[in-house]
Amino acid sequence: MCKDFRALNQACPKDTYPLPRIDMMVDRTSGYSVMSFLDVFSGYHQTLMAKEDAEKIAFITDFDTYCYNVMPRLMPCSKVKGGEPRSIR
């Protein structure tokens, strides 16, 4: 199953994050004994949807109409943030 959120995404304000330059990333990580990448897998499907907003991303199948109880991912227009890059030290 695939849900097309293009119309909803066009209505949402965009957050832009420029890609870091590789030379800057190498400089910032030098001198550390351990380097780790965490993808925050368990961060998905944890933010509850407001009941009045659930129908905005509802989808219809041959069997029924379904609404998410939680945000399927951090949506571009959500007030909840968590997908943006952060520095952990």
N, C-alpha and C. Protein backbone atom coordinates (compact mmCIF):
# COMPACT_ATOMS: atom_id res chain seq x y z
N MET A 1 0.85 -1.16 0.00
CA MET A 1 0.00 0.00 0.00
C MET A 1 0.90 1.23 0.00
N CYS A 2 0.46 2.22 -0.70
CA CYS A 2 1.21 3.47 -0.79
C CYS A 2 0.24 4.64 -0.68
N LYS A 3 0.53 5.62 0.17
CA LYS A 3 -0.31 6.80 0.35
C LYS A 3 0.39 7.99 -0.29
N ASP A 4 -0.32 8.74 -1.08
CA ASP A 4 0.23 9.89 -1.79
C ASP A 4 -0.03 11.16 -0.98
N PHE A 5 1.00 11.71 -0.35
CA PHE A 5 0.89 12.91 0.48
C PHE A 5 1.33 14.17 -0.27
N ARG A 6 1.46 14.12 -1.60
CA ARG A 6 1.98 15.28 -2.32
C ARG A 6 1.14 16.53 -2.11
N ALA A 7 -0.18 16.42 -2.16
CA ALA A 7 -1.03 17.61 -1.98
C ALA A 7 -0.87 18.18 -0.56
N LEU A 8 -0.82 17.31 0.43
CA LEU A 8 -0.63 17.75 1.82
C LEU A 8 0.75 18.38 1.98
N ASN A 9 1.77 17.78 1.39
CA ASN A 9 3.13 18.32 1.50
C ASN A 9 3.24 19.69 0.86
N GLN A 10 2.52 19.93 -0.24
CA GLN A 10 2.57 21.24 -0.88
C GLN A 10 1.94 22.33 -0.01
N ALA A 11 0.98 21.95 0.83
CA ALA A 11 0.32 22.92 1.70
C ALA A 11 1.11 23.20 2.98
N CYS A 12 2.13 22.40 3.25
CA CYS A 12 2.90 22.53 4.49
C CYS A 12 4.11 23.43 4.29
N PRO A 13 4.46 24.20 5.32
CA PRO A 13 5.69 25.00 5.23
C PRO A 13 6.90 24.07 5.18
N LYS A 14 7.92 24.48 4.48
CA LYS A 14 9.10 23.64 4.30
C LYS A 14 10.18 24.02 5.31
N ASP A 15 10.81 23.01 5.88
CA ASP A 15 12.02 23.20 6.68
C ASP A 15 13.18 22.81 5.79
N THR A 16 14.14 23.68 5.65
CA THR A 16 15.29 23.36 4.81
C THR A 16 16.52 23.16 5.67
N TYR A 17 17.26 22.15 5.34
CA TYR A 17 18.49 21.84 6.04
C TYR A 17 19.57 21.64 4.99
N PRO A 18 20.50 22.57 4.86
CA PRO A 18 21.55 22.40 3.86
C PRO A 18 22.42 21.19 4.20
N LEU A 19 22.84 20.47 3.18
CA LEU A 19 23.73 19.34 3.40
C LEU A 19 25.09 19.84 3.84
N PRO A 20 25.67 19.20 4.86
CA PRO A 20 26.99 19.63 5.31
C PRO A 20 28.04 19.26 4.27
N ARG A 21 29.07 20.04 4.20
CA ARG A 21 30.18 19.71 3.30
C ARG A 21 31.02 18.62 3.93
N ILE A 22 31.49 17.70 3.11
CA ILE A 22 32.22 16.53 3.61
C ILE A 22 33.48 16.94 4.36
N ASP A 23 34.21 17.95 3.87
CA ASP A 23 35.43 18.37 4.56
C ASP A 23 35.13 18.93 5.95
N MET A 24 34.00 19.61 6.09
CA MET A 24 33.59 20.12 7.41
C MET A 24 33.23 18.96 8.34
N MET A 25 32.56 17.95 7.81
CA MET A 25 32.18 16.79 8.63
C MET A 25 33.42 16.04 9.11
N VAL A 26 34.40 15.86 8.25
CA VAL A 26 35.64 15.18 8.64
C VAL A 26 36.34 15.98 9.73
N ASP A 27 36.43 17.28 9.56
CA ASP A 27 37.07 18.13 10.57
C ASP A 27 36.35 18.05 11.91
N ARG A 28 35.02 18.01 11.88
CA ARG A 28 34.24 18.00 13.13
C ARG A 28 34.32 16.66 13.85
N THR A 29 34.62 15.58 13.13
CA THR A 29 34.66 14.26 13.77
C THR A 29 36.06 13.82 14.14
N SER A 30 37.07 14.54 13.72
CA SER A 30 38.44 14.14 14.06
C SER A 30 38.69 14.39 15.54
N GLY A 31 39.50 13.52 16.14
CA GLY A 31 39.83 13.67 17.54
C GLY A 31 38.95 12.87 18.48
N TYR A 32 37.89 12.25 17.97
CA TYR A 32 37.02 11.42 18.80
C TYR A 32 37.43 9.96 18.67
N SER A 33 37.35 9.21 19.77
CA SER A 33 37.72 7.80 19.72
C SER A 33 36.58 6.92 19.22
N VAL A 34 35.35 7.39 19.33
CA VAL A 34 34.19 6.60 18.90
C VAL A 34 33.29 7.49 18.06
N MET A 35 32.81 6.93 16.97
CA MET A 35 31.84 7.65 16.14
C MET A 35 30.65 6.72 15.93
N SER A 36 29.45 7.24 16.10
CA SER A 36 28.25 6.41 15.99
C SER A 36 27.19 7.15 15.21
N PHE A 37 26.34 6.40 14.53
CA PHE A 37 25.20 6.97 13.82
C PHE A 37 23.95 6.31 14.37
N LEU A 38 23.03 7.10 14.88
CA LEU A 38 21.77 6.58 15.39
C LEU A 38 20.65 7.06 14.49
N ASP A 39 19.83 6.14 13.99
CA ASP A 39 18.78 6.55 13.08
C ASP A 39 17.45 6.81 13.78
N VAL A 40 17.40 6.72 15.07
CA VAL A 40 16.22 6.99 15.87
C VAL A 40 15.04 6.15 15.37
N PHE A 41 15.31 4.87 15.12
CA PHE A 41 14.28 3.97 14.61
C PHE A 41 13.04 4.00 15.50
N SER A 42 13.25 3.96 16.82
CA SER A 42 12.10 3.91 17.71
C SER A 42 11.39 5.25 17.83
N GLY A 43 11.88 6.29 17.18
CA GLY A 43 11.21 7.59 17.20
C GLY A 43 9.98 7.64 16.32
N TYR A 44 9.91 6.72 15.34
CA TYR A 44 8.74 6.69 14.46
C TYR A 44 7.54 6.11 15.19
N HIS A 45 6.38 6.50 14.79
CA HIS A 45 5.11 5.97 15.30
C HIS A 45 4.94 6.19 16.80
N GLN A 46 5.45 7.28 17.33
CA GLN A 46 5.28 7.56 18.76
C GLN A 46 4.53 8.84 19.03
N THR A 47 4.29 9.66 18.03
CA THR A 47 3.62 10.93 18.24
C THR A 47 2.14 10.76 17.91
N LEU A 48 1.29 10.97 18.90
CA LEU A 48 -0.15 10.80 18.70
C LEU A 48 -0.70 11.86 17.76
N MET A 49 -1.64 11.46 16.92
CA MET A 49 -2.32 12.39 16.02
C MET A 49 -3.48 13.04 16.78
N ALA A 50 -3.73 14.30 16.54
CA ALA A 50 -4.93 14.94 17.08
C ALA A 50 -6.12 14.36 16.32
N LYS A 51 -7.20 14.06 17.01
CA LYS A 51 -8.36 13.44 16.37
C LYS A 51 -8.87 14.26 15.19
N GLU A 52 -8.85 15.59 15.33
CA GLU A 52 -9.37 16.43 14.24
C GLU A 52 -8.43 16.44 13.02
N ASP A 53 -7.18 16.03 13.21
CA ASP A 53 -6.24 15.99 12.09
C ASP A 53 -6.11 14.61 11.45
N ALA A 54 -6.57 13.58 12.14
CA ALA A 54 -6.41 12.22 11.64
C ALA A 54 -7.08 12.02 10.28
N GLU A 55 -8.23 12.64 10.07
CA GLU A 55 -8.94 12.45 8.80
C GLU A 55 -8.21 13.11 7.63
N LYS A 56 -7.33 14.05 7.92
CA LYS A 56 -6.59 14.73 6.84
C LYS A 56 -5.61 13.79 6.14
N ILE A 57 -5.14 12.77 6.85
CA ILE A 57 -4.25 11.81 6.23
C ILE A 57 -4.86 10.41 6.21
N ALA A 58 -6.19 10.36 6.23
CA ALA A 58 -6.89 9.08 6.13
C ALA A 58 -6.67 8.49 4.74
N PHE A 59 -6.84 7.18 4.65
CA PHE A 59 -6.75 6.53 3.34
C PHE A 59 -7.87 5.50 3.21
N ILE A 60 -8.26 5.26 1.99
CA ILE A 60 -9.39 4.38 1.70
C ILE A 60 -8.88 3.15 0.96
N THR A 61 -9.36 1.98 1.39
CA THR A 61 -9.06 0.73 0.69
C THR A 61 -10.38 0.12 0.22
N ASP A 62 -10.31 -1.02 -0.41
CA ASP A 62 -11.53 -1.72 -0.82
C ASP A 62 -12.34 -2.17 0.38
N PHE A 63 -11.70 -2.28 1.54
CA PHE A 63 -12.35 -2.82 2.72
C PHE A 63 -12.93 -1.77 3.65
N ASP A 64 -12.25 -0.62 3.78
CA ASP A 64 -12.70 0.37 4.75
C ASP A 64 -11.89 1.66 4.58
N THR A 65 -12.23 2.66 5.38
CA THR A 65 -11.45 3.90 5.47
C THR A 65 -10.67 3.84 6.77
N TYR A 66 -9.40 4.16 6.70
CA TYR A 66 -8.53 4.07 7.87
C TYR A 66 -7.92 5.43 8.19
N CYS A 67 -7.74 5.69 9.49
CA CYS A 67 -7.06 6.89 9.97
C CYS A 67 -5.91 6.46 10.86
N TYR A 68 -4.83 7.19 10.80
CA TYR A 68 -3.72 6.91 11.69
C TYR A 68 -4.06 7.41 13.10
N ASN A 69 -3.66 6.64 14.11
CA ASN A 69 -3.75 7.08 15.50
C ASN A 69 -2.49 7.84 15.90
N VAL A 70 -1.41 7.52 15.23
CA VAL A 70 -0.12 8.17 15.45
C VAL A 70 0.39 8.68 14.12
N MET A 71 1.30 9.65 14.16
CA MET A 71 1.87 10.15 12.91
C MET A 71 2.70 9.04 12.27
N PRO A 72 2.48 8.78 10.98
CA PRO A 72 3.24 7.72 10.34
C PRO A 72 4.74 8.01 10.28
N ARG A 73 5.12 9.25 10.18
CA ARG A 73 6.49 9.75 10.24
C ARG A 73 6.36 11.18 10.72
N LEU A 74 7.47 11.82 10.96
CA LEU A 74 7.36 13.24 11.28
C LEU A 74 6.99 13.96 10.00
N MET A 75 5.77 14.43 9.94
CA MET A 75 5.26 15.08 8.74
C MET A 75 5.88 16.47 8.63
N PRO A 76 6.08 16.97 7.42
CA PRO A 76 6.73 18.27 7.24
C PRO A 76 6.02 19.42 7.94
N CYS A 77 4.70 19.35 8.07
CA CYS A 77 3.97 20.47 8.66
C CYS A 77 3.61 20.23 10.12
N SER A 78 4.13 19.15 10.72
CA SER A 78 3.78 18.90 12.12
C SER A 78 4.48 19.91 13.02
N LYS A 79 3.87 20.21 14.14
CA LYS A 79 4.49 21.11 15.11
C LYS A 79 5.52 20.37 15.93
N VAL A 80 5.48 19.04 15.88
CA VAL A 80 6.45 18.22 16.59
C VAL A 80 7.69 18.12 15.73
N LYS A 81 8.81 18.40 16.31
CA LYS A 81 10.06 18.30 15.57
C LYS A 81 10.90 17.20 16.20
N GLY A 82 11.73 16.61 15.42
CA GLY A 82 12.58 15.55 15.93
C GLY A 82 13.44 14.95 14.83
N GLY A 83 13.13 15.25 13.60
CA GLY A 83 13.88 14.68 12.51
C GLY A 83 15.03 15.55 12.06
N GLU A 84 15.15 16.74 12.63
CA GLU A 84 16.22 17.61 12.17
C GLU A 84 17.54 17.20 12.80
N PRO A 85 18.64 17.52 12.14
CA PRO A 85 19.95 17.15 12.67
C PRO A 85 20.23 17.83 14.00
N ARG A 86 20.91 17.13 14.87
CA ARG A 86 21.29 17.70 16.16
C ARG A 86 22.73 17.32 16.48
N SER A 87 23.33 18.10 17.32
CA SER A 87 24.68 17.80 17.78
C SER A 87 24.57 17.16 19.15
N ILE A 88 25.20 15.99 19.31
CA ILE A 88 25.19 15.30 20.61
C ILE A 88 26.62 15.28 21.13
N ARG A 89 26.83 15.89 22.27
CA ARG A 89 28.17 15.89 22.89
C ARG A 89 28.03 15.68 24.36
